[in-house]
N, C-alpha and C. Protein backbone atom coordinates (compact mmCIF):
# COMPACT_ATOMS: atom_id res chain seq x y z
N UNK A 1 131.90 131.05 178.60
CA UNK A 1 130.66 131.26 177.88
C UNK A 1 130.86 132.24 176.73
N UNK A 2 131.67 133.29 176.97
CA UNK A 2 131.92 134.26 175.92
C UNK A 2 132.67 133.62 174.76
N UNK A 3 133.59 132.72 175.04
CA UNK A 3 134.36 132.05 173.98
C UNK A 3 133.43 131.15 173.17
N UNK A 4 132.56 130.41 173.84
CA UNK A 4 131.63 129.53 173.14
C UNK A 4 130.71 130.34 172.25
N UNK A 5 130.27 131.49 172.73
CA UNK A 5 129.39 132.36 171.94
C UNK A 5 130.15 132.90 170.72
N UNK A 6 131.40 133.26 170.91
CA UNK A 6 132.21 133.78 169.80
C UNK A 6 132.42 132.69 168.74
N UNK A 7 132.68 131.48 169.19
CA UNK A 7 132.85 130.37 168.25
C UNK A 7 131.54 130.10 167.50
N UNK A 8 130.43 130.17 168.22
CA UNK A 8 129.12 129.96 167.61
C UNK A 8 128.84 131.02 166.56
N UNK A 9 129.14 132.28 166.86
CA UNK A 9 128.94 133.37 165.89
C UNK A 9 129.85 133.19 164.68
N UNK A 10 131.08 132.79 164.90
CA UNK A 10 132.01 132.57 163.80
C UNK A 10 131.51 131.44 162.90
N UNK A 11 131.03 130.35 163.52
CA UNK A 11 130.51 129.22 162.73
C UNK A 11 129.28 129.63 161.94
N UNK A 12 128.41 130.43 162.57
CA UNK A 12 127.21 130.90 161.88
C UNK A 12 127.58 131.80 160.70
N UNK A 13 128.57 132.64 160.87
CA UNK A 13 129.02 133.52 159.79
C UNK A 13 129.55 132.70 158.61
N UNK A 14 130.29 131.65 158.92
CA UNK A 14 130.81 130.79 157.85
C UNK A 14 129.65 130.13 157.12
N UNK A 15 128.65 129.67 157.83
CA UNK A 15 127.51 129.01 157.20
C UNK A 15 126.72 129.99 156.32
N UNK A 16 126.64 131.23 156.73
CA UNK A 16 125.91 132.24 155.95
C UNK A 16 126.71 132.65 154.73
N UNK A 17 128.00 132.83 154.86
CA UNK A 17 128.85 133.30 153.77
C UNK A 17 129.17 132.18 152.80
N UNK A 18 129.36 130.96 153.28
CA UNK A 18 129.78 129.85 152.42
C UNK A 18 128.87 129.61 151.22
N UNK A 19 127.53 129.58 151.38
CA UNK A 19 126.69 129.35 150.20
C UNK A 19 126.87 130.46 149.15
N UNK A 20 127.03 131.70 149.59
CA UNK A 20 127.22 132.79 148.64
C UNK A 20 128.53 132.65 147.89
N UNK A 21 129.58 132.28 148.62
CA UNK A 21 130.88 132.09 147.99
C UNK A 21 130.82 130.88 147.06
N UNK A 22 130.20 129.81 147.50
CA UNK A 22 130.09 128.60 146.67
C UNK A 22 129.29 128.89 145.41
N UNK A 23 128.22 129.67 145.54
CA UNK A 23 127.42 130.01 144.37
C UNK A 23 128.24 130.81 143.37
N UNK A 24 129.07 131.72 143.89
CA UNK A 24 129.92 132.50 143.01
C UNK A 24 130.92 131.62 142.28
N UNK A 25 131.51 130.66 142.96
CA UNK A 25 132.50 129.77 142.35
C UNK A 25 131.85 128.83 141.34
N UNK A 26 130.61 128.39 141.61
CA UNK A 26 129.93 127.44 140.74
C UNK A 26 129.50 128.09 139.43
N UNK A 27 129.09 129.34 139.46
CA UNK A 27 128.59 130.00 138.26
C UNK A 27 129.71 130.15 137.24
N UNK A 28 129.51 129.55 136.09
CA UNK A 28 130.50 129.68 135.03
C UNK A 28 130.45 131.09 134.47
N UNK A 29 131.60 131.64 134.16
CA UNK A 29 131.58 132.96 133.54
C UNK A 29 130.93 132.85 132.16
N UNK A 30 130.29 133.92 131.76
CA UNK A 30 129.63 133.87 130.46
C UNK A 30 130.65 134.05 129.34
N UNK A 31 130.29 133.55 128.18
CA UNK A 31 131.15 133.67 127.01
C UNK A 31 130.49 134.60 126.01
N UNK A 32 131.30 135.27 125.22
CA UNK A 32 130.77 136.17 124.20
C UNK A 32 131.79 136.34 123.09
N UNK A 33 131.38 137.07 122.09
CA UNK A 33 132.23 137.45 120.97
C UNK A 33 132.89 136.24 120.32
N UNK A 34 134.22 136.27 120.18
CA UNK A 34 134.93 135.21 119.47
C UNK A 34 134.81 133.86 120.17
N UNK A 35 134.76 133.87 121.49
CA UNK A 35 134.65 132.59 122.21
C UNK A 35 133.27 131.97 121.96
N UNK A 36 132.23 132.78 122.02
CA UNK A 36 130.88 132.29 121.75
C UNK A 36 130.79 131.77 120.32
N UNK A 37 131.27 132.53 119.36
CA UNK A 37 131.24 132.09 117.95
C UNK A 37 132.03 130.80 117.78
N UNK A 38 133.12 130.66 118.50
CA UNK A 38 133.94 129.44 118.40
C UNK A 38 133.19 128.23 118.96
N UNK A 39 132.49 128.41 120.08
CA UNK A 39 131.69 127.32 120.62
C UNK A 39 130.56 126.96 119.65
N UNK A 40 129.96 127.96 119.03
CA UNK A 40 128.89 127.70 118.07
C UNK A 40 129.43 126.94 116.85
N UNK A 41 130.60 127.35 116.36
CA UNK A 41 131.20 126.64 115.22
C UNK A 41 131.53 125.20 115.59
N UNK A 42 132.07 125.02 116.79
CA UNK A 42 132.41 123.66 117.25
C UNK A 42 131.16 122.81 117.34
N UNK A 43 130.07 123.38 117.86
CA UNK A 43 128.83 122.62 118.00
C UNK A 43 128.26 122.25 116.64
N UNK A 44 128.29 123.19 115.70
CA UNK A 44 127.81 122.89 114.35
C UNK A 44 128.67 121.80 113.71
N UNK A 45 129.98 121.90 113.87
CA UNK A 45 130.87 120.89 113.32
C UNK A 45 130.57 119.52 113.93
N UNK A 46 130.30 119.48 115.21
CA UNK A 46 129.96 118.23 115.88
C UNK A 46 128.69 117.64 115.28
N UNK A 47 127.69 118.48 115.10
CA UNK A 47 126.43 118.02 114.51
C UNK A 47 126.67 117.45 113.11
N UNK A 48 127.52 118.13 112.35
CA UNK A 48 127.79 117.69 110.98
C UNK A 48 128.59 116.39 110.93
N UNK A 49 129.53 116.21 111.85
CA UNK A 49 130.30 114.97 111.85
C UNK A 49 129.43 113.79 112.28
N UNK A 50 128.56 114.00 113.24
CA UNK A 50 127.64 112.93 113.65
C UNK A 50 126.70 112.62 112.50
N UNK A 51 126.24 113.66 111.81
CA UNK A 51 125.39 113.45 110.63
C UNK A 51 126.12 112.71 109.53
N UNK A 52 127.39 113.02 109.35
CA UNK A 52 128.18 112.34 108.32
C UNK A 52 128.26 110.85 108.61
N UNK A 53 128.49 110.52 109.87
CA UNK A 53 128.63 109.11 110.25
C UNK A 53 127.28 108.39 110.30
N UNK A 54 126.26 109.06 110.83
CA UNK A 54 124.95 108.42 111.00
C UNK A 54 124.15 108.35 109.72
N UNK A 55 124.38 109.30 108.81
CA UNK A 55 123.54 109.44 107.62
C UNK A 55 124.29 109.16 106.32
N UNK A 56 125.50 108.64 106.46
CA UNK A 56 126.33 108.31 105.29
C UNK A 56 126.58 109.55 104.42
N UNK A 57 127.02 110.62 105.06
CA UNK A 57 127.29 111.88 104.38
C UNK A 57 128.76 112.28 104.49
N UNK A 58 129.64 111.31 104.63
CA UNK A 58 131.06 111.59 104.84
C UNK A 58 131.68 112.46 103.75
N UNK A 59 131.38 112.25 102.47
CA UNK A 59 131.97 113.14 101.45
C UNK A 59 131.57 114.61 101.65
N UNK A 60 130.36 114.84 102.10
CA UNK A 60 129.92 116.22 102.34
C UNK A 60 130.65 116.81 103.55
N UNK A 61 130.87 115.99 104.57
CA UNK A 61 131.61 116.48 105.72
C UNK A 61 133.04 116.84 105.31
N UNK A 62 133.66 116.00 104.51
CA UNK A 62 135.02 116.29 104.05
C UNK A 62 135.06 117.60 103.26
N UNK A 63 134.05 117.82 102.43
CA UNK A 63 133.97 119.08 101.67
C UNK A 63 133.79 120.27 102.62
N UNK A 64 132.96 120.08 103.64
CA UNK A 64 132.74 121.14 104.63
C UNK A 64 134.06 121.51 105.32
N UNK A 65 134.78 120.52 105.80
CA UNK A 65 136.04 120.78 106.51
C UNK A 65 137.05 121.46 105.59
N UNK A 66 137.11 121.02 104.36
CA UNK A 66 138.04 121.63 103.41
C UNK A 66 137.64 123.07 103.11
N UNK A 67 136.36 123.31 102.91
CA UNK A 67 135.87 124.65 102.57
C UNK A 67 136.02 125.64 103.71
N UNK A 68 135.86 125.19 104.93
CA UNK A 68 135.85 126.08 106.09
C UNK A 68 137.07 125.88 106.99
N UNK A 69 138.12 125.31 106.45
CA UNK A 69 139.31 124.97 107.24
C UNK A 69 139.83 126.15 108.06
N UNK A 70 139.99 127.31 107.44
CA UNK A 70 140.58 128.45 108.15
C UNK A 70 139.72 128.88 109.33
N UNK A 71 138.40 128.97 109.12
CA UNK A 71 137.52 129.37 110.22
C UNK A 71 137.48 128.31 111.32
N UNK A 72 137.46 127.05 110.93
CA UNK A 72 137.45 125.97 111.92
C UNK A 72 138.73 125.95 112.74
N UNK A 73 139.85 126.17 112.08
CA UNK A 73 141.14 126.18 112.81
C UNK A 73 141.21 127.39 113.74
N UNK A 74 140.71 128.54 113.30
CA UNK A 74 140.68 129.71 114.17
C UNK A 74 139.83 129.46 115.41
N UNK A 75 138.67 128.84 115.21
CA UNK A 75 137.79 128.50 116.34
C UNK A 75 138.48 127.51 117.27
N UNK A 76 139.18 126.56 116.70
CA UNK A 76 139.90 125.57 117.52
C UNK A 76 140.95 126.26 118.39
N UNK A 77 141.68 127.21 117.83
CA UNK A 77 142.69 127.93 118.62
C UNK A 77 142.05 128.72 119.76
N UNK A 78 140.92 129.36 119.48
CA UNK A 78 140.21 130.11 120.53
C UNK A 78 139.76 129.16 121.64
N UNK A 79 139.22 128.02 121.28
CA UNK A 79 138.75 127.06 122.29
C UNK A 79 139.91 126.45 123.07
N UNK A 80 141.04 126.22 122.41
CA UNK A 80 142.22 125.71 123.13
C UNK A 80 142.64 126.72 124.20
N UNK A 81 142.62 127.98 123.84
CA UNK A 81 142.98 129.02 124.81
C UNK A 81 141.95 129.07 125.94
N UNK A 82 140.67 128.94 125.59
CA UNK A 82 139.61 128.98 126.59
C UNK A 82 139.72 127.82 127.57
N UNK A 83 139.95 126.61 127.07
CA UNK A 83 140.02 125.43 127.93
C UNK A 83 141.37 125.27 128.62
N UNK A 84 142.40 125.83 128.02
CA UNK A 84 143.72 125.79 128.64
C UNK A 84 144.51 124.51 128.41
N UNK A 85 143.82 123.41 128.28
CA UNK A 85 144.50 122.13 128.05
C UNK A 85 143.73 121.35 126.99
N UNK A 86 144.47 120.68 126.14
CA UNK A 86 143.82 119.93 125.06
C UNK A 86 142.90 118.85 125.59
N UNK A 87 143.26 118.22 126.69
CA UNK A 87 142.44 117.15 127.25
C UNK A 87 141.05 117.68 127.64
N UNK A 88 140.99 118.88 128.18
CA UNK A 88 139.69 119.46 128.56
C UNK A 88 138.84 119.74 127.33
N UNK A 89 139.48 120.23 126.26
CA UNK A 89 138.76 120.47 125.01
C UNK A 89 138.28 119.15 124.42
N UNK A 90 139.10 118.13 124.44
CA UNK A 90 138.71 116.83 123.90
C UNK A 90 137.55 116.22 124.71
N UNK A 91 137.57 116.40 126.02
CA UNK A 91 136.46 115.94 126.86
C UNK A 91 135.16 116.64 126.46
N UNK A 92 135.26 117.94 126.25
CA UNK A 92 134.09 118.72 125.83
C UNK A 92 133.57 118.23 124.47
N UNK A 93 134.48 118.02 123.53
CA UNK A 93 134.08 117.56 122.20
C UNK A 93 133.42 116.18 122.28
N UNK A 94 133.93 115.30 123.11
CA UNK A 94 133.32 113.98 123.28
C UNK A 94 131.92 114.09 123.87
N UNK A 95 131.78 114.93 124.85
CA UNK A 95 130.48 115.12 125.50
C UNK A 95 129.44 115.63 124.50
N UNK A 96 129.80 116.65 123.72
CA UNK A 96 128.84 117.20 122.76
C UNK A 96 128.57 116.21 121.62
N UNK A 97 129.56 115.42 121.23
CA UNK A 97 129.33 114.40 120.20
C UNK A 97 128.37 113.33 120.70
N UNK A 98 128.51 112.95 121.95
CA UNK A 98 127.58 111.97 122.53
C UNK A 98 126.16 112.52 122.57
N UNK A 99 126.02 113.80 122.91
CA UNK A 99 124.69 114.41 122.95
C UNK A 99 124.08 114.48 121.54
N UNK A 100 124.90 114.85 120.54
CA UNK A 100 124.40 114.89 119.16
C UNK A 100 124.03 113.50 118.69
N UNK A 101 124.80 112.51 119.06
CA UNK A 101 124.49 111.14 118.69
C UNK A 101 123.17 110.69 119.29
N UNK A 102 122.92 111.07 120.53
CA UNK A 102 121.64 110.73 121.17
C UNK A 102 120.47 111.38 120.43
N UNK A 103 120.66 112.63 119.98
CA UNK A 103 119.61 113.29 119.20
C UNK A 103 119.38 112.55 117.88
N UNK A 104 120.46 112.08 117.26
CA UNK A 104 120.30 111.35 115.99
C UNK A 104 119.55 110.04 116.22
N UNK A 105 119.83 109.37 117.31
CA UNK A 105 119.17 108.10 117.60
C UNK A 105 117.69 108.28 117.94
N UNK A 106 117.36 109.44 118.49
CA UNK A 106 115.97 109.70 118.88
C UNK A 106 115.05 109.76 117.65
N UNK A 107 115.56 110.29 116.53
CA UNK A 107 114.78 110.35 115.30
C UNK A 107 115.75 110.50 114.14
N UNK A 108 116.27 109.39 113.67
CA UNK A 108 117.32 109.40 112.66
C UNK A 108 116.86 110.04 111.35
N UNK A 109 115.60 109.82 110.98
CA UNK A 109 115.12 110.40 109.72
C UNK A 109 115.15 111.92 109.76
N UNK A 110 114.59 112.50 110.81
CA UNK A 110 114.62 113.97 110.95
C UNK A 110 116.03 114.49 111.08
N UNK A 111 116.85 113.79 111.84
CA UNK A 111 118.24 114.21 112.03
C UNK A 111 118.97 114.25 110.69
N UNK A 112 118.80 113.23 109.89
CA UNK A 112 119.49 113.18 108.59
C UNK A 112 118.95 114.24 107.63
N UNK A 113 117.66 114.47 107.64
CA UNK A 113 117.10 115.54 106.80
C UNK A 113 117.66 116.90 107.21
N UNK A 114 117.72 117.14 108.51
CA UNK A 114 118.24 118.41 109.01
C UNK A 114 119.72 118.56 108.67
N UNK A 115 120.50 117.52 108.89
CA UNK A 115 121.94 117.58 108.59
C UNK A 115 122.17 117.81 107.10
N UNK A 116 121.42 117.12 106.28
CA UNK A 116 121.54 117.29 104.83
C UNK A 116 121.22 118.73 104.43
N UNK A 117 120.19 119.31 105.05
CA UNK A 117 119.83 120.71 104.76
C UNK A 117 120.95 121.66 105.20
N UNK A 118 121.59 121.36 106.33
CA UNK A 118 122.73 122.17 106.76
C UNK A 118 123.85 122.13 105.72
N UNK A 119 124.15 120.93 105.23
CA UNK A 119 125.18 120.81 104.20
C UNK A 119 124.79 121.59 102.94
N UNK A 120 123.52 121.52 102.57
CA UNK A 120 123.05 122.26 101.39
C UNK A 120 123.29 123.76 101.55
N UNK A 121 122.98 124.30 102.72
CA UNK A 121 123.18 125.73 102.97
C UNK A 121 124.66 126.10 102.97
N UNK A 122 125.47 125.27 103.62
CA UNK A 122 126.89 125.59 103.79
C UNK A 122 127.71 125.35 102.52
N UNK A 123 127.31 124.39 101.71
CA UNK A 123 128.11 124.00 100.56
C UNK A 123 127.49 124.42 99.23
N UNK A 124 126.45 125.25 99.30
CA UNK A 124 125.81 125.73 98.08
C UNK A 124 126.69 126.73 97.36
N UNK A 125 126.19 127.27 96.26
CA UNK A 125 126.99 128.20 95.46
C UNK A 125 127.41 129.47 96.21
N UNK A 126 126.56 129.95 97.09
CA UNK A 126 126.89 131.14 97.90
C UNK A 126 127.22 130.70 99.32
N UNK A 127 128.44 130.29 99.50
CA UNK A 127 128.85 129.77 100.81
C UNK A 127 128.96 130.90 101.82
N UNK A 128 128.20 130.78 102.91
CA UNK A 128 128.25 131.85 103.92
C UNK A 128 129.53 131.78 104.76
N UNK A 129 129.85 132.89 105.41
CA UNK A 129 130.92 132.87 106.41
C UNK A 129 130.39 132.05 107.57
N UNK A 130 131.20 131.15 108.05
CA UNK A 130 130.75 130.22 109.10
C UNK A 130 130.38 130.96 110.38
N UNK A 131 131.17 131.94 110.78
CA UNK A 131 130.89 132.68 112.02
C UNK A 131 129.53 133.38 111.95
N UNK A 132 129.16 133.90 110.80
CA UNK A 132 127.86 134.54 110.65
C UNK A 132 126.74 133.50 110.61
N UNK A 133 126.99 132.39 109.94
CA UNK A 133 125.99 131.33 109.79
C UNK A 133 125.58 130.74 111.14
N UNK A 134 126.56 130.46 111.98
CA UNK A 134 126.25 129.78 113.26
C UNK A 134 125.43 130.66 114.19
N UNK A 135 125.52 131.97 114.03
CA UNK A 135 124.75 132.87 114.89
C UNK A 135 123.25 132.71 114.73
N UNK A 136 122.83 132.25 113.55
CA UNK A 136 121.40 132.10 113.29
C UNK A 136 120.95 130.64 113.22
N UNK A 137 121.85 129.73 113.51
CA UNK A 137 121.53 128.30 113.42
C UNK A 137 121.28 127.74 114.82
N UNK A 138 120.03 127.32 115.11
CA UNK A 138 119.68 126.88 116.47
C UNK A 138 120.59 125.78 117.03
N UNK A 139 120.95 124.78 116.24
CA UNK A 139 121.75 123.68 116.76
C UNK A 139 123.12 124.16 117.24
N UNK A 140 123.61 125.25 116.68
CA UNK A 140 124.92 125.78 117.08
C UNK A 140 124.89 126.29 118.52
N UNK A 141 123.71 126.54 119.04
CA UNK A 141 123.60 127.03 120.41
C UNK A 141 123.38 125.91 121.43
N UNK A 142 123.56 124.67 121.03
CA UNK A 142 123.50 123.54 121.96
C UNK A 142 124.86 123.32 122.63
N UNK A 143 125.70 124.34 122.65
CA UNK A 143 127.08 124.21 123.14
C UNK A 143 127.17 124.05 124.65
N UNK A 144 126.10 124.36 125.38
CA UNK A 144 126.08 124.14 126.82
C UNK A 144 126.83 125.17 127.64
N UNK A 145 127.17 126.29 127.03
CA UNK A 145 127.90 127.34 127.75
C UNK A 145 126.95 128.48 128.10
N UNK A 146 127.35 129.29 129.05
CA UNK A 146 126.59 130.44 129.48
C UNK A 146 126.95 131.62 128.56
N UNK A 147 126.10 131.91 127.59
CA UNK A 147 126.37 132.99 126.64
C UNK A 147 125.85 134.31 127.21
N UNK A 148 126.66 135.36 127.11
CA UNK A 148 126.25 136.66 127.63
C UNK A 148 126.18 137.73 126.55
N UNK A 149 126.22 137.33 125.33
CA UNK A 149 126.13 138.30 124.25
C UNK A 149 126.15 137.56 122.94
N UNK A 150 126.01 138.31 121.89
CA UNK A 150 126.07 137.68 120.58
C UNK A 150 127.45 137.91 119.99
N UNK A 151 127.90 136.98 119.16
CA UNK A 151 129.25 137.11 118.61
C UNK A 151 129.37 138.34 117.73
N UNK A 152 130.55 138.93 117.74
CA UNK A 152 130.76 140.11 116.90
C UNK A 152 131.41 139.69 115.61
């Protein structure tokens, strides 16, 4: 009887502790600083590429990539380090592109107007630093990550 009671207590302890441990493992760590800014840049780039394809703005997208190449490449390196493997980063990029595409299909006129306005801001005479720009751009925060601070 004592052994059965001990086994029962051990099983109950596992049941009580397991959800807490599982919750800890499930919670994604939060991102901040350069990683957060990199996710925001990636999300903005995704929005712009979907806009380029959906709204016939490919020349503007090409100009964007050329103008912001250094910042985009820096963000890519940060995300590669964050994901650890290129396949995981590519999966993430595909997922966010599909989500942006769904938003474009929901209201293509608004989506194209918004994308065009983004290009106007980014490619105007006073081109902002991309890392600073994404911090104030709502679509850049559709990255789906747990942010715990603002980028520095």
